[in-house]
Amino acid sequence: MNSRRVLRLLAASAPFIASQALADDGPYASPLDDRFRLTAGAFLASTTTTLRLDGAVPQSGTPISGENDLGLEHRNTLANIEIMVGMRERHRVRLDFFKLDRSSSQPLVRQLQIRSDTYNIDDFVESHFDVRMFALTYAYSFLHKPHVDLAGSFGVNVMEVHARALVRARGVDQSKDAAGAFPTIGIDATVPFSRRFYAEARAEYLNVSINDFDGSAENLHLGVLYRWQENLAIGVGYRKFKVNLTSNQTGDTGEFALDNSGPQAFVRASF
């Protein structure tokens, strides 16, 4: 079953699930007591991408929209996997993996300058844009009560980016491969509403300026879950990931911006 069908099924089942939850007197395992979680889901992302690669002169490259100029898909169905391991009552570690692979082939509608190469109107460009991100986050619950958990977090995020624009007819080929790690700080919240329903939210942020590099990152997750079995829950929510990077390093100046946001549906096993 594909991700879009899963979302439609969850939406159609919501009224039934709610009525069953209100009538249920069965056992309830609080999510605040989880020591292990495995979450897998689908993320219906709306994506915008901007990239500028300069030549010898800073600001000489064209700011390129991956979606409007190169024809990369604006909407994507992405898989998301997350693992949480709890240590004692207030400590936990979370692993999160995200990837976005896109490619397109189409003629240009405007001229682009990428480093030393000029891409002309009507050039047939084959473009590729791939992102991988792995995040390791530690969280400590500074407020841990029966009906609420609030935690501060510190994360290390590793991101890899591959971009390429190729015009076979003229042998014009420019690419960029970059990888780096950056930290984020944030806050997590989990609130049980009833015996079966609970909500969770987390926000992580970074804003840094070091030497010839400026960067910012935002990571937001909101979710509502229904625990329909002791160790199994289904949920719907919203995710947003945004990053902006600017390099002013001599000989390697440019900009990169990525914004992913949209609804998600997921299944969670917890113990």
Protein backbone atom coordinates (compact mmCIF):
# COMPACT_ATOMS: atom_id res chain seq x y z
CA MET A 1 0.00 0.00 0.00
CA ASN A 2 1.49 3.38 -0.95
CA SER A 3 1.80 6.36 1.37
CA ARG A 4 -1.11 8.34 -0.06
CA ARG A 5 -3.49 5.41 0.42
CA VAL A 6 -2.31 5.07 4.03
CA LEU A 7 -3.14 8.73 4.68
CA ARG A 8 -6.61 8.38 3.13
CA LEU A 9 -7.29 5.25 5.18
CA LEU A 10 -6.28 6.95 8.42
CA ALA A 11 -8.45 9.97 7.67
CA ALA A 12 -11.48 7.78 6.89
CA SER A 13 -10.95 5.76 10.09
CA ALA A 14 -10.58 8.74 12.43
CA PRO A 15 -14.28 9.00 13.52
CA PHE A 16 -14.43 5.27 14.29
CA ILE A 17 -11.18 5.38 16.24
CA ALA A 18 -12.38 8.35 18.28
CA SER A 19 -15.68 6.67 19.20
CA GLN A 20 -13.89 3.49 20.23
CA ALA A 21 -11.39 5.43 22.33
CA LEU A 22 -14.12 7.19 24.30
CA ALA A 23 -15.90 3.91 25.02
CA ASP A 24 -12.79 1.88 25.84
CA ASP A 25 -12.05 0.89 29.43
CA GLY A 26 -9.06 -1.29 28.58
CA PRO A 27 -5.49 -0.91 29.82
CA TYR A 28 -3.54 2.19 28.90
CA ALA A 29 0.24 2.26 28.72
CA SER A 30 1.38 5.84 29.18
CA PRO A 31 3.74 7.07 26.45
CA LEU A 32 5.65 8.86 29.20
CA ASP A 33 6.90 5.45 30.36
CA ASP A 34 8.17 4.24 26.96
CA ARG A 35 11.74 2.94 26.94
CA PHE A 36 11.87 2.10 23.23
CA ARG A 37 10.02 3.44 20.19
CA LEU A 38 10.24 2.58 16.52
CA THR A 39 8.33 5.00 14.29
CA ALA A 40 7.89 4.60 10.53
CA GLY A 41 5.76 6.81 8.35
CA ALA A 42 5.15 8.81 5.20
CA PHE A 43 5.72 12.54 4.85
CA LEU A 44 3.84 14.41 2.08
CA ALA A 45 6.37 17.19 1.62
CA SER A 46 6.06 20.48 -0.19
CA THR A 47 9.64 21.31 -1.17
CA THR A 48 11.37 24.50 -2.28
CA THR A 49 15.07 24.56 -3.14
CA THR A 50 17.40 27.45 -3.97
CA LEU A 51 21.05 27.08 -5.00
CA ARG A 52 23.74 29.50 -6.14
CA LEU A 53 27.28 28.45 -7.14
CA ASP A 54 29.71 31.28 -7.92
CA GLY A 55 32.74 31.38 -10.16
CA ALA A 56 35.91 33.32 -9.34
CA VAL A 57 33.84 36.41 -8.56
CA PRO A 58 31.50 36.30 -5.52
CA GLN A 59 27.78 36.77 -6.30
CA SER A 60 28.45 35.94 -9.99
CA GLY A 61 26.28 32.82 -10.05
CA THR A 62 22.55 32.79 -10.73
CA PRO A 63 20.19 32.02 -7.81
CA ILE A 64 18.45 28.88 -9.13
CA SER A 65 15.08 27.54 -8.12
CA GLY A 66 15.25 23.76 -8.30
CA GLU A 67 11.51 23.55 -8.87
CA ASN A 68 10.87 26.49 -11.22
CA ASP A 69 14.12 26.51 -13.23
CA LEU A 70 15.07 22.83 -13.30
CA GLY A 71 11.67 21.15 -13.03
CA LEU A 72 12.29 19.22 -9.82
CA GLU A 73 9.12 17.91 -8.17
CA HIS A 74 7.57 20.41 -5.78
CA ARG A 75 5.57 17.75 -3.91
CA ASN A 76 7.15 14.49 -2.77
CA THR A 77 6.16 11.47 -0.71
CA LEU A 78 9.05 10.73 1.61
CA ALA A 79 9.71 7.92 4.06
CA ASN A 80 10.75 8.75 7.61
CA ILE A 81 12.23 6.42 10.24
CA GLU A 82 12.86 7.25 13.88
CA ILE A 83 14.16 5.26 16.86
CA MET A 84 14.00 6.39 20.49
CA VAL A 85 15.76 4.68 23.39
CA GLY A 86 14.95 5.76 26.94
CA MET A 87 17.56 5.56 29.72
CA ARG A 88 16.16 5.69 33.22
CA GLU A 89 13.22 8.00 33.79
CA ARG A 90 14.43 11.32 32.38
CA HIS A 91 17.04 10.53 29.73
CA ARG A 92 16.52 9.43 26.13
CA VAL A 93 18.32 9.30 22.78
CA ARG A 94 16.61 9.67 19.41
CA LEU A 95 17.86 8.61 15.97
CA ASP A 96 16.20 10.12 12.89
CA PHE A 97 16.88 9.50 9.18
CA PHE A 98 15.59 11.52 6.23
CA LYS A 99 16.33 11.41 2.50
CA LEU A 100 15.15 13.30 -0.56
CA ASP A 101 16.11 12.19 -4.11
CA ARG A 102 14.88 14.13 -7.14
CA SER A 103 15.81 14.35 -10.82
CA SER A 104 14.42 16.04 -13.91
CA SER A 105 15.13 16.66 -17.62
CA GLN A 106 13.77 19.70 -19.43
CA PRO A 107 14.82 22.74 -21.52
CA LEU A 108 15.65 25.96 -19.73
CA VAL A 109 13.35 28.96 -19.96
CA ARG A 110 15.99 31.44 -18.78
CA GLN A 111 19.78 31.73 -18.85
CA LEU A 112 21.70 30.45 -15.82
CA GLN A 113 25.28 31.09 -14.75
CA ILE A 114 26.78 28.25 -12.67
CA ARG A 115 30.40 28.90 -11.76
CA SER A 116 32.25 29.42 -15.07
CA ASP A 117 29.56 27.85 -17.29
CA THR A 118 26.60 29.54 -18.95
CA TYR A 119 23.44 27.49 -19.42
CA ASN A 120 21.45 29.02 -22.26
CA ILE A 121 17.73 29.27 -22.91
CA ASP A 122 16.45 26.03 -24.53
CA ASP A 123 19.47 24.02 -23.34
CA PHE A 124 18.14 20.57 -22.39
CA VAL A 125 19.33 20.14 -18.81
CA GLU A 126 19.47 16.88 -16.85
CA SER A 127 19.39 17.79 -13.17
CA HIS A 128 19.80 15.77 -9.98
CA PHE A 129 19.35 16.88 -6.41
CA ASP A 130 19.80 14.46 -3.49
CA VAL A 131 19.78 15.10 0.27
CA ARG A 132 20.56 12.77 3.14
CA MET A 133 20.26 13.73 6.79
CA PHE A 134 20.97 11.72 9.92
CA ALA A 135 20.24 13.19 13.36
CA LEU A 136 21.30 11.97 16.80
CA THR A 137 19.52 13.81 19.62
CA TYR A 138 19.82 13.58 23.40
CA ALA A 139 16.92 14.83 25.53
CA TYR A 140 16.58 15.34 29.28
CA SER A 141 13.15 15.68 30.91
CA PHE A 142 13.29 18.65 33.28
CA LEU A 143 9.55 18.21 33.97
CA HIS A 144 8.28 14.63 34.23
CA LYS A 145 4.74 14.34 35.62
CA PRO A 146 1.97 11.76 35.09
CA HIS A 147 0.22 14.00 32.52
CA VAL A 148 3.05 15.96 30.91
CA ASP A 149 6.69 15.60 29.98
CA LEU A 150 8.89 18.55 28.95
CA ALA A 151 12.48 17.99 27.87
CA GLY A 152 15.37 20.05 26.59
CA SER A 153 17.38 18.53 23.74
CA PHE A 154 20.74 18.78 22.02
CA GLY A 155 21.24 17.22 18.60
CA VAL A 156 24.02 16.56 16.12
CA ASN A 157 22.81 16.54 12.51
CA VAL A 158 24.83 15.23 9.57
CA MET A 159 23.67 16.34 6.12
CA GLU A 160 24.90 15.31 2.68
CA VAL A 161 23.92 17.18 -0.50
CA HIS A 162 24.56 16.23 -4.14
CA ALA A 163 23.49 18.57 -6.96
CA ARG A 164 24.25 18.29 -10.69
CA ALA A 165 23.22 20.09 -13.90
CA LEU A 166 24.26 18.47 -17.20
CA VAL A 167 23.81 19.58 -20.82
CA ARG A 168 24.97 16.58 -22.87
CA ALA A 169 24.70 18.34 -26.24
CA ARG A 170 27.36 20.90 -25.29
CA GLY A 171 29.31 18.94 -22.68
CA VAL A 172 28.44 21.41 -19.94
CA ASP A 173 28.46 19.75 -16.53
CA GLN A 174 28.52 21.32 -13.09
CA SER A 175 28.04 19.51 -9.79
CA LYS A 176 28.34 20.12 -6.08
CA ASP A 177 28.89 17.54 -3.33
CA ALA A 178 28.92 18.73 0.25
CA ALA A 179 28.66 17.11 3.66
CA GLY A 180 28.79 18.56 7.12
CA ALA A 181 27.57 18.32 10.69
CA PHE A 182 25.76 20.98 12.69
CA PRO A 183 24.25 21.09 16.20
CA THR A 184 20.72 22.05 17.22
CA ILE A 185 19.08 22.81 20.54
CA GLY A 186 15.39 22.30 21.17
CA ILE A 187 12.48 21.36 23.37
CA ASP A 188 10.24 18.25 23.41
CA ALA A 189 6.74 17.93 24.87
CA THR A 190 4.45 14.92 25.35
CA VAL A 191 0.92 15.32 26.75
CA PRO A 192 -1.58 12.44 27.25
CA PHE A 193 -5.17 13.60 26.67
CA SER A 194 -6.99 10.44 27.71
CA ARG A 195 -6.48 6.72 28.15
CA ARG A 196 -5.69 6.27 24.45
CA PHE A 197 -4.92 9.65 22.90
CA TYR A 198 -1.79 11.73 23.35
CA ALA A 199 0.03 14.55 21.59
CA GLU A 200 3.68 15.28 21.08
CA ALA A 201 5.63 18.26 19.78
CA ARG A 202 9.25 19.17 19.33
CA ALA A 203 11.13 22.12 17.93
CA GLU A 204 14.85 22.32 17.20
CA TYR A 205 16.81 25.36 16.06
CA LEU A 206 20.25 26.57 14.98
CA ASN A 207 21.58 29.99 13.96
CA VAL A 208 25.35 30.31 13.57
CA SER A 209 27.93 32.57 11.96
CA ILE A 210 31.52 31.31 11.94
CA ASN A 211 34.29 32.97 9.91
CA ASP A 212 33.05 32.90 6.29
CA PHE A 213 30.03 30.70 6.92
CA ASP A 214 26.46 31.59 7.96
CA GLY A 215 23.76 29.02 8.57
CA SER A 216 20.39 28.42 10.16
CA ALA A 217 18.20 25.35 10.59
CA GLU A 218 14.71 24.65 11.92
CA ASN A 219 13.11 21.27 12.60
CA LEU A 220 9.49 21.09 13.77
CA HIS A 221 7.27 18.07 14.49
CA LEU A 222 3.67 18.02 15.75
CA GLY A 223 1.68 14.81 16.16
CA VAL A 224 -1.49 13.32 17.64
CA LEU A 225 -1.47 9.57 18.32
CA TYR A 226 -4.03 6.91 19.16
CA ARG A 227 -2.71 3.86 21.03
CA TRP A 228 -5.12 1.18 19.85
CA GLN A 229 -3.05 -1.67 21.30
CA GLU A 230 -0.73 -1.82 24.28
CA ASN A 231 2.42 -1.51 22.17
CA LEU A 232 1.13 -0.12 18.89
CA ALA A 233 -0.09 3.35 17.95
CA ILE A 234 -1.02 5.23 14.80
CA GLY A 235 -0.64 8.96 14.35
CA VAL A 236 -1.03 11.94 12.08
CA GLY A 237 0.80 15.22 12.25
CA TYR A 238 2.87 17.91 10.59
CA ARG A 239 6.60 18.22 9.90
CA LYS A 240 8.81 21.07 8.78
CA PHE A 241 12.53 21.10 8.05
CA LYS A 242 14.25 24.25 6.84
CA VAL A 243 17.94 25.02 6.31
CA ASN A 244 19.75 28.07 4.92
CA LEU A 245 23.52 28.08 4.27
CA THR A 246 25.74 30.84 2.89
CA SER A 247 29.45 30.48 2.18
CA ASN A 248 31.70 33.53 1.77
CA GLN A 249 34.90 31.50 1.65
CA THR A 250 37.30 32.71 -1.03
CA GLY A 251 37.01 30.54 -4.14
CA ASP A 252 33.91 28.70 -2.89
CA THR A 253 31.13 31.21 -2.38
CA GLY A 254 27.47 30.42 -2.81
CA GLU A 255 24.11 29.79 -1.16
CA PHE A 256 21.87 26.83 -0.46
CA ALA A 257 18.33 26.80 0.95
CA LEU A 258 15.92 23.90 1.44
CA ASP A 259 12.40 24.05 2.89
CA ASN A 260 10.32 20.87 3.43
CA SER A 261 6.93 20.98 5.12
CA GLY A 262 3.68 19.06 5.08
CA PRO A 263 1.43 16.47 6.75
CA GLN A 264 2.54 13.01 7.78
CA ALA A 265 1.06 9.69 8.91
CA PHE A 266 2.97 7.09 10.90
CA VAL A 267 2.86 3.86 12.87
CA ARG A 268 4.71 3.46 16.15
CA ALA A 269 5.71 0.38 18.13
CA SER A 270 6.73 1.13 21.72
CA PHE A 271 7.70 -0.76 24.86
